[in-house]
Amino acid sequence: MVLIMKLNTSQKAELYNEGLRRYQKLQEQVRQIRANSLNLTELDEMKIAKLEQKMKEIYNKTRDLYN
């Protein structure tokens, strides 16, 4: 991964926006899984947990851009 300290503000903003787009895409996938069924299956719960883990990773990476 590119060293965050060496990125200028514009590059950081671009990475932040990309992270936000990816996060929102995952968020939409979680929403769709939940909308498809009133009673989630174990498989649905596993998919949601995996997506939420990815969302957490994206959040942490984007947060680190400005710390």
Protein backbone atom coordinates (compact mmCIF):
# COMPACT_ATOMS: atom_id res chain seq x y z
CA MET A 1 0.00 0.00 0.00
CA VAL A 2 1.13 3.53 -0.72
CA LEU A 3 2.48 5.32 2.30
CA ILE A 4 -0.29 7.61 3.44
CA MET A 5 2.14 10.21 4.75
CA LYS A 6 3.47 10.82 1.23
CA LEU A 7 0.05 11.52 -0.30
CA ASN A 8 -1.09 15.05 -0.92
CA THR A 9 -4.54 16.25 0.11
CA SER A 10 -6.02 15.64 -3.33
CA GLN A 11 -4.77 12.05 -3.41
CA LYS A 12 -6.09 11.43 0.09
CA ALA A 13 -9.48 12.83 -0.95
CA GLU A 14 -9.55 10.52 -3.97
CA LEU A 15 -8.79 7.49 -1.79
CA TYR A 16 -11.39 8.61 0.75
CA ASN A 17 -14.05 8.96 -1.96
CA GLU A 18 -13.20 5.53 -3.36
CA GLY A 19 -13.48 4.04 0.12
CA LEU A 20 -16.81 5.75 0.63
CA ARG A 21 -18.13 4.35 -2.66
CA ARG A 22 -17.02 0.82 -1.72
CA TYR A 23 -18.51 1.19 1.77
CA GLN A 24 -21.86 2.33 0.37
CA LYS A 25 -21.91 -0.54 -2.12
CA LEU A 26 -21.40 -3.04 0.70
CA GLN A 27 -24.01 -1.24 2.78
CA GLU A 28 -26.50 -1.64 -0.05
CA GLN A 29 -25.72 -5.36 -0.31
CA VAL A 30 -26.46 -5.76 3.40
CA ARG A 31 -29.70 -3.84 2.97
CA GLN A 32 -30.75 -6.06 0.06
CA ILE A 33 -30.08 -9.26 2.01
CA ARG A 34 -32.17 -7.98 4.91
CA ALA A 35 -34.95 -6.79 2.59
CA ASN A 36 -35.26 -10.17 0.87
CA SER A 37 -36.44 -12.05 3.93
CA LEU A 38 -38.20 -11.41 7.22
CA ASN A 39 -36.35 -14.35 8.76
CA LEU A 40 -32.67 -14.39 7.89
CA THR A 41 -31.06 -17.76 7.39
CA GLU A 42 -27.73 -18.71 8.92
CA LEU A 43 -26.19 -18.23 5.47
CA ASP A 44 -27.68 -14.72 5.26
CA GLU A 45 -26.26 -13.89 8.69
CA MET A 46 -22.83 -15.14 7.61
CA LYS A 47 -22.96 -13.06 4.42
CA ILE A 48 -23.94 -9.98 6.41
CA ALA A 49 -21.15 -10.55 8.94
CA LYS A 50 -18.61 -10.88 6.13
CA LEU A 51 -19.86 -7.71 4.42
CA GLU A 52 -19.85 -5.80 7.71
CA GLN A 53 -16.26 -6.91 8.36
CA LYS A 54 -15.26 -5.53 4.97
CA MET A 55 -17.11 -2.30 5.80
CA LYS A 56 -15.17 -2.02 9.06
CA GLU A 57 -11.86 -2.51 7.21
CA ILE A 58 -12.77 0.21 4.70
CA TYR A 59 -13.81 2.54 7.51
CA ASN A 60 -10.52 2.03 9.33
CA LYS A 61 -8.46 2.61 6.18
CA THR A 62 -10.28 5.81 5.28
CA ARG A 63 -10.10 7.07 8.87
CA ASP A 64 -6.34 6.53 8.84
CA LEU A 65 -5.96 8.82 5.82
CA TYR A 66 -6.41 11.89 8.00
CA ASN A 67 -4.89 10.72 11.29
